[in-house]
Amino acid sequence: MPNIKSVIKDVKRSRLRQLRNQATKSQIKTYTKKTKTLIADGAASPTDVAASISKTISVIDKAWKHGIIHKNAAARRKSRLMKRAQHTASAS
């Protein structure tokens, strides 16, 4: 443990940020998984799928805006999700 007061504060801030970032990344994974499951399930209505995609994209954009994930990573995740949805929609 550091002895300098400002470094002690830095460590505390760093740990809080780490927890916040982990929670947000977990949230991204959860929403992405739910959306992929809805897309793969043929019985889900298109409005449910669209709402789920919208919420997932919102979570990804917020993570990018707060600097938790990189801009290109956010774009890649959204692109893959939309591509999967369109592929499934066109196959049906």
N, C-alpha and C. Protein backbone atom coordinates (compact mmCIF):
# COMPACT_ATOMS: atom_id res chain seq x y z
N MET A 1 0.85 -1.18 0.00
CA MET A 1 0.00 0.00 0.00
C MET A 1 0.89 1.24 0.00
N PRO A 2 0.54 2.22 -0.81
CA PRO A 2 1.37 3.43 -0.88
C PRO A 2 1.28 4.27 0.41
N ASN A 3 2.31 5.08 0.61
CA ASN A 3 2.36 5.94 1.79
C ASN A 3 1.89 7.36 1.50
N ILE A 4 1.99 7.76 0.27
CA ILE A 4 1.66 9.14 -0.09
C ILE A 4 0.15 9.28 -0.22
N LYS A 5 -0.37 10.35 0.38
CA LYS A 5 -1.82 10.54 0.47
C LYS A 5 -2.48 10.61 -0.91
N SER A 6 -1.90 11.32 -1.84
CA SER A 6 -2.50 11.46 -3.17
C SER A 6 -2.49 10.13 -3.92
N VAL A 7 -1.47 9.33 -3.69
CA VAL A 7 -1.39 8.03 -4.35
C VAL A 7 -2.43 7.07 -3.76
N ILE A 8 -2.65 7.18 -2.47
CA ILE A 8 -3.69 6.38 -1.82
C ILE A 8 -5.05 6.70 -2.44
N LYS A 9 -5.30 7.99 -2.66
CA LYS A 9 -6.56 8.41 -3.28
C LYS A 9 -6.64 7.90 -4.73
N ASP A 10 -5.51 7.94 -5.43
CA ASP A 10 -5.48 7.44 -6.80
C ASP A 10 -5.83 5.96 -6.86
N VAL A 11 -5.31 5.19 -5.92
CA VAL A 11 -5.58 3.76 -5.87
C VAL A 11 -7.07 3.52 -5.62
N LYS A 12 -7.66 4.28 -4.70
CA LYS A 12 -9.10 4.14 -4.43
C LYS A 12 -9.92 4.47 -5.67
N ARG A 13 -9.56 5.56 -6.32
CA ARG A 13 -10.29 5.96 -7.54
C ARG A 13 -10.15 4.89 -8.62
N SER A 14 -8.96 4.37 -8.73
CA SER A 14 -8.69 3.34 -9.74
C SER A 14 -9.54 2.11 -9.49
N ARG A 15 -9.65 1.70 -8.24
CA ARG A 15 -10.45 0.51 -7.91
C ARG A 15 -11.94 0.76 -8.15
N LEU A 16 -12.41 1.96 -7.85
CA LEU A 16 -13.81 2.28 -8.13
C LEU A 16 -14.10 2.27 -9.62
N ARG A 17 -13.18 2.84 -10.38
CA ARG A 17 -13.34 2.86 -11.84
C ARG A 17 -13.34 1.44 -12.40
N GLN A 18 -12.45 0.60 -11.85
CA GLN A 18 -12.37 -0.77 -12.31
C GLN A 18 -13.69 -1.50 -12.08
N LEU A 19 -14.28 -1.31 -10.90
CA LEU A 19 -15.57 -1.93 -10.61
C LEU A 19 -16.66 -1.43 -11.54
N ARG A 20 -16.67 -0.13 -11.78
CA ARG A 20 -17.67 0.46 -12.67
C ARG A 20 -17.51 -0.06 -14.09
N ASN A 21 -16.26 -0.14 -14.54
CA ASN A 21 -16.00 -0.63 -15.89
C ASN A 21 -16.39 -2.10 -16.03
N GLN A 22 -16.09 -2.90 -15.02
CA GLN A 22 -16.46 -4.32 -15.06
C GLN A 22 -17.97 -4.47 -15.13
N ALA A 23 -18.68 -3.68 -14.36
CA ALA A 23 -20.14 -3.76 -14.35
C ALA A 23 -20.71 -3.40 -15.72
N THR A 24 -20.16 -2.37 -16.33
CA THR A 24 -20.66 -1.94 -17.63
C THR A 24 -20.34 -2.98 -18.70
N LYS A 25 -19.13 -3.54 -18.67
CA LYS A 25 -18.78 -4.57 -19.65
C LYS A 25 -19.65 -5.80 -19.49
N SER A 26 -19.96 -6.13 -18.26
CA SER A 26 -20.85 -7.27 -18.00
C SER A 26 -22.24 -6.98 -18.54
N GLN A 27 -22.69 -5.74 -18.37
CA GLN A 27 -24.00 -5.34 -18.88
C GLN A 27 -24.04 -5.45 -20.40
N ILE A 28 -22.97 -5.03 -21.05
CA ILE A 28 -22.90 -5.15 -22.51
C ILE A 28 -23.03 -6.61 -22.92
N LYS A 29 -22.29 -7.48 -22.26
CA LYS A 29 -22.32 -8.91 -22.59
C LYS A 29 -23.71 -9.50 -22.35
N THR A 30 -24.35 -9.10 -21.26
CA THR A 30 -25.67 -9.62 -20.93
C THR A 30 -26.69 -9.23 -21.99
N TYR A 31 -26.73 -7.94 -22.33
CA TYR A 31 -27.70 -7.48 -23.32
C TYR A 31 -27.41 -8.07 -24.69
N THR A 32 -26.14 -8.21 -25.05
CA THR A 32 -25.79 -8.80 -26.33
C THR A 32 -26.24 -10.24 -26.40
N LYS A 33 -26.02 -10.98 -25.31
CA LYS A 33 -26.42 -12.38 -25.28
C LYS A 33 -27.94 -12.52 -25.37
N LYS A 34 -28.68 -11.67 -24.65
CA LYS A 34 -30.14 -11.71 -24.72
C LYS A 34 -30.63 -11.41 -26.13
N THR A 35 -30.02 -10.43 -26.76
CA THR A 35 -30.43 -10.06 -28.11
C THR A 35 -30.12 -11.18 -29.10
N LYS A 36 -28.94 -11.78 -28.99
CA LYS A 36 -28.59 -12.88 -29.88
C LYS A 36 -29.54 -14.06 -29.71
N THR A 37 -29.95 -14.30 -28.47
CA THR A 37 -30.90 -15.38 -28.21
C THR A 37 -32.25 -15.07 -28.85
N LEU A 38 -32.70 -13.83 -28.73
CA LEU A 38 -33.96 -13.43 -29.36
C LEU A 38 -33.89 -13.56 -30.88
N ILE A 39 -32.75 -13.15 -31.45
CA ILE A 39 -32.58 -13.22 -32.90
C ILE A 39 -32.59 -14.67 -33.37
N ALA A 40 -31.90 -15.53 -32.62
CA ALA A 40 -31.82 -16.94 -33.01
C ALA A 40 -33.16 -17.64 -32.85
N ASP A 41 -33.95 -17.19 -31.88
CA ASP A 41 -35.26 -17.78 -31.65
C ASP A 41 -36.23 -17.26 -32.70
N GLY A 42 -36.72 -18.13 -33.52
CA GLY A 42 -37.60 -17.72 -34.61
C GLY A 42 -38.96 -17.27 -34.14
N ALA A 43 -39.35 -17.63 -32.92
CA ALA A 43 -40.69 -17.32 -32.42
C ALA A 43 -40.81 -15.89 -31.92
N ALA A 44 -39.69 -15.21 -31.71
CA ALA A 44 -39.73 -13.84 -31.19
C ALA A 44 -40.28 -12.89 -32.25
N SER A 45 -41.09 -11.94 -31.79
CA SER A 45 -41.68 -10.98 -32.74
C SER A 45 -40.62 -9.96 -33.16
N PRO A 46 -40.77 -9.42 -34.36
CA PRO A 46 -39.79 -8.43 -34.85
C PRO A 46 -39.71 -7.18 -33.97
N THR A 47 -40.82 -6.81 -33.34
CA THR A 47 -40.78 -5.63 -32.48
C THR A 47 -39.96 -5.89 -31.22
N ASP A 48 -40.06 -7.12 -30.69
CA ASP A 48 -39.25 -7.47 -29.52
C ASP A 48 -37.77 -7.47 -29.87
N VAL A 49 -37.45 -8.00 -31.03
CA VAL A 49 -36.06 -8.04 -31.48
C VAL A 49 -35.53 -6.62 -31.68
N ALA A 50 -36.34 -5.77 -32.31
CA ALA A 50 -35.93 -4.39 -32.55
C ALA A 50 -35.71 -3.64 -31.24
N ALA A 51 -36.59 -3.85 -30.28
CA ALA A 51 -36.44 -3.19 -28.98
C ALA A 51 -35.19 -3.67 -28.26
N SER A 52 -34.93 -4.95 -28.35
CA SER A 52 -33.74 -5.52 -27.71
C SER A 52 -32.47 -4.98 -28.36
N ILE A 53 -32.47 -4.91 -29.67
CA ILE A 53 -31.30 -4.37 -30.39
C ILE A 53 -31.09 -2.92 -30.01
N SER A 54 -32.17 -2.16 -29.94
CA SER A 54 -32.08 -0.75 -29.58
C SER A 54 -31.47 -0.57 -28.20
N LYS A 55 -31.92 -1.36 -27.23
CA LYS A 55 -31.40 -1.27 -25.87
C LYS A 55 -29.92 -1.67 -25.82
N THR A 56 -29.56 -2.71 -26.54
CA THR A 56 -28.17 -3.16 -26.57
C THR A 56 -27.27 -2.11 -27.17
N ILE A 57 -27.70 -1.51 -28.26
CA ILE A 57 -26.91 -0.46 -28.91
C ILE A 57 -26.76 0.74 -27.98
N SER A 58 -27.82 1.06 -27.26
CA SER A 58 -27.76 2.16 -26.30
C SER A 58 -26.72 1.89 -25.21
N VAL A 59 -26.69 0.68 -24.69
CA VAL A 59 -25.72 0.32 -23.66
C VAL A 59 -24.30 0.39 -24.21
N ILE A 60 -24.11 -0.09 -25.43
CA ILE A 60 -22.78 -0.05 -26.06
C ILE A 60 -22.34 1.39 -26.28
N ASP A 61 -23.25 2.23 -26.77
CA ASP A 61 -22.91 3.64 -27.01
C ASP A 61 -22.55 4.37 -25.73
N LYS A 62 -23.28 4.08 -24.66
CA LYS A 62 -22.97 4.72 -23.38
C LYS A 62 -21.60 4.29 -22.87
N ALA A 63 -21.26 3.03 -23.06
CA ALA A 63 -19.94 2.55 -22.63
C ALA A 63 -18.84 3.24 -23.44
N TRP A 64 -19.09 3.42 -24.74
CA TRP A 64 -18.11 4.12 -25.57
C TRP A 64 -17.99 5.58 -25.15
N LYS A 65 -19.13 6.19 -24.88
CA LYS A 65 -19.14 7.61 -24.51
C LYS A 65 -18.36 7.85 -23.21
N HIS A 66 -18.44 6.91 -22.29
CA HIS A 66 -17.74 7.05 -21.01
C HIS A 66 -16.31 6.53 -21.07
N GLY A 67 -15.87 6.08 -22.24
CA GLY A 67 -14.49 5.64 -22.40
C GLY A 67 -14.20 4.25 -21.87
N ILE A 68 -15.22 3.44 -21.70
CA ILE A 68 -15.02 2.10 -21.17
C ILE A 68 -14.57 1.15 -22.28
N ILE A 69 -15.14 1.33 -23.47
CA ILE A 69 -14.67 0.57 -24.62
C ILE A 69 -14.27 1.54 -25.72
N HIS A 70 -13.43 1.08 -26.61
CA HIS A 70 -12.94 1.92 -27.70
C HIS A 70 -14.05 2.15 -28.74
N LYS A 71 -13.95 3.25 -29.44
CA LYS A 71 -14.93 3.63 -30.44
C LYS A 71 -15.09 2.55 -31.51
N ASN A 72 -13.98 2.01 -31.98
CA ASN A 72 -14.05 0.97 -33.02
C ASN A 72 -14.62 -0.34 -32.48
N ALA A 73 -14.34 -0.63 -31.22
CA ALA A 73 -14.90 -1.83 -30.61
C ALA A 73 -16.42 -1.71 -30.51
N ALA A 74 -16.90 -0.53 -30.15
CA ALA A 74 -18.34 -0.29 -30.08
C ALA A 74 -18.96 -0.43 -31.46
N ALA A 75 -18.34 0.14 -32.45
CA ALA A 75 -18.85 0.05 -33.82
C ALA A 75 -18.87 -1.40 -34.30
N ARG A 76 -17.82 -2.14 -33.99
CA ARG A 76 -17.75 -3.55 -34.39
C ARG A 76 -18.86 -4.37 -33.74
N ARG A 77 -19.08 -4.16 -32.45
CA ARG A 77 -20.13 -4.91 -31.74
C ARG A 77 -21.51 -4.61 -32.32
N LYS A 78 -21.78 -3.33 -32.57
CA LYS A 78 -23.07 -2.94 -33.13
C LYS A 78 -23.24 -3.51 -34.54
N SER A 79 -22.17 -3.44 -35.32
CA SER A 79 -22.23 -3.92 -36.69
C SER A 79 -22.51 -5.42 -36.73
N ARG A 80 -21.83 -6.18 -35.90
CA ARG A 80 -22.04 -7.62 -35.89
C ARG A 80 -23.45 -7.98 -35.44
N LEU A 81 -23.95 -7.23 -34.49
CA LEU A 81 -25.31 -7.48 -34.01
C LEU A 81 -26.34 -7.20 -35.10
N MET A 82 -26.20 -6.07 -35.77
CA MET A 82 -27.13 -5.71 -36.84
C MET A 82 -27.02 -6.68 -38.01
N LYS A 83 -25.80 -7.08 -38.32
CA LYS A 83 -25.58 -8.03 -39.42
C LYS A 83 -26.27 -9.35 -39.13
N ARG A 84 -26.16 -9.81 -37.88
CA ARG A 84 -26.80 -11.05 -37.48
C ARG A 84 -28.33 -10.93 -37.58
N ALA A 85 -28.86 -9.80 -37.15
CA ALA A 85 -30.30 -9.59 -37.19
C ALA A 85 -30.81 -9.55 -38.63
N GLN A 86 -30.09 -8.86 -39.50
CA GLN A 86 -30.52 -8.76 -40.89
C GLN A 86 -30.40 -10.11 -41.61
N HIS A 87 -29.35 -10.85 -41.28
CA HIS A 87 -29.16 -12.16 -41.90
C HIS A 87 -30.30 -13.10 -41.51
N THR A 88 -30.68 -13.08 -40.26
CA THR A 88 -31.78 -13.93 -39.79
C THR A 88 -33.11 -13.48 -40.37
N ALA A 89 -33.31 -12.18 -40.47
CA ALA A 89 -34.56 -11.64 -41.03
C ALA A 89 -34.70 -12.00 -42.51
N SER A 90 -33.61 -11.92 -43.23
CA SER A 90 -33.66 -12.22 -44.67
C SER A 90 -33.79 -13.72 -44.91
N ALA A 91 -33.29 -14.55 -43.99
CA ALA A 91 -33.38 -16.00 -44.14
C ALA A 91 -34.79 -16.50 -43.87
N SER A 92 -35.55 -15.75 -43.07
CA SER A 92 -36.91 -16.20 -42.72
C SER A 92 -37.89 -15.97 -43.83
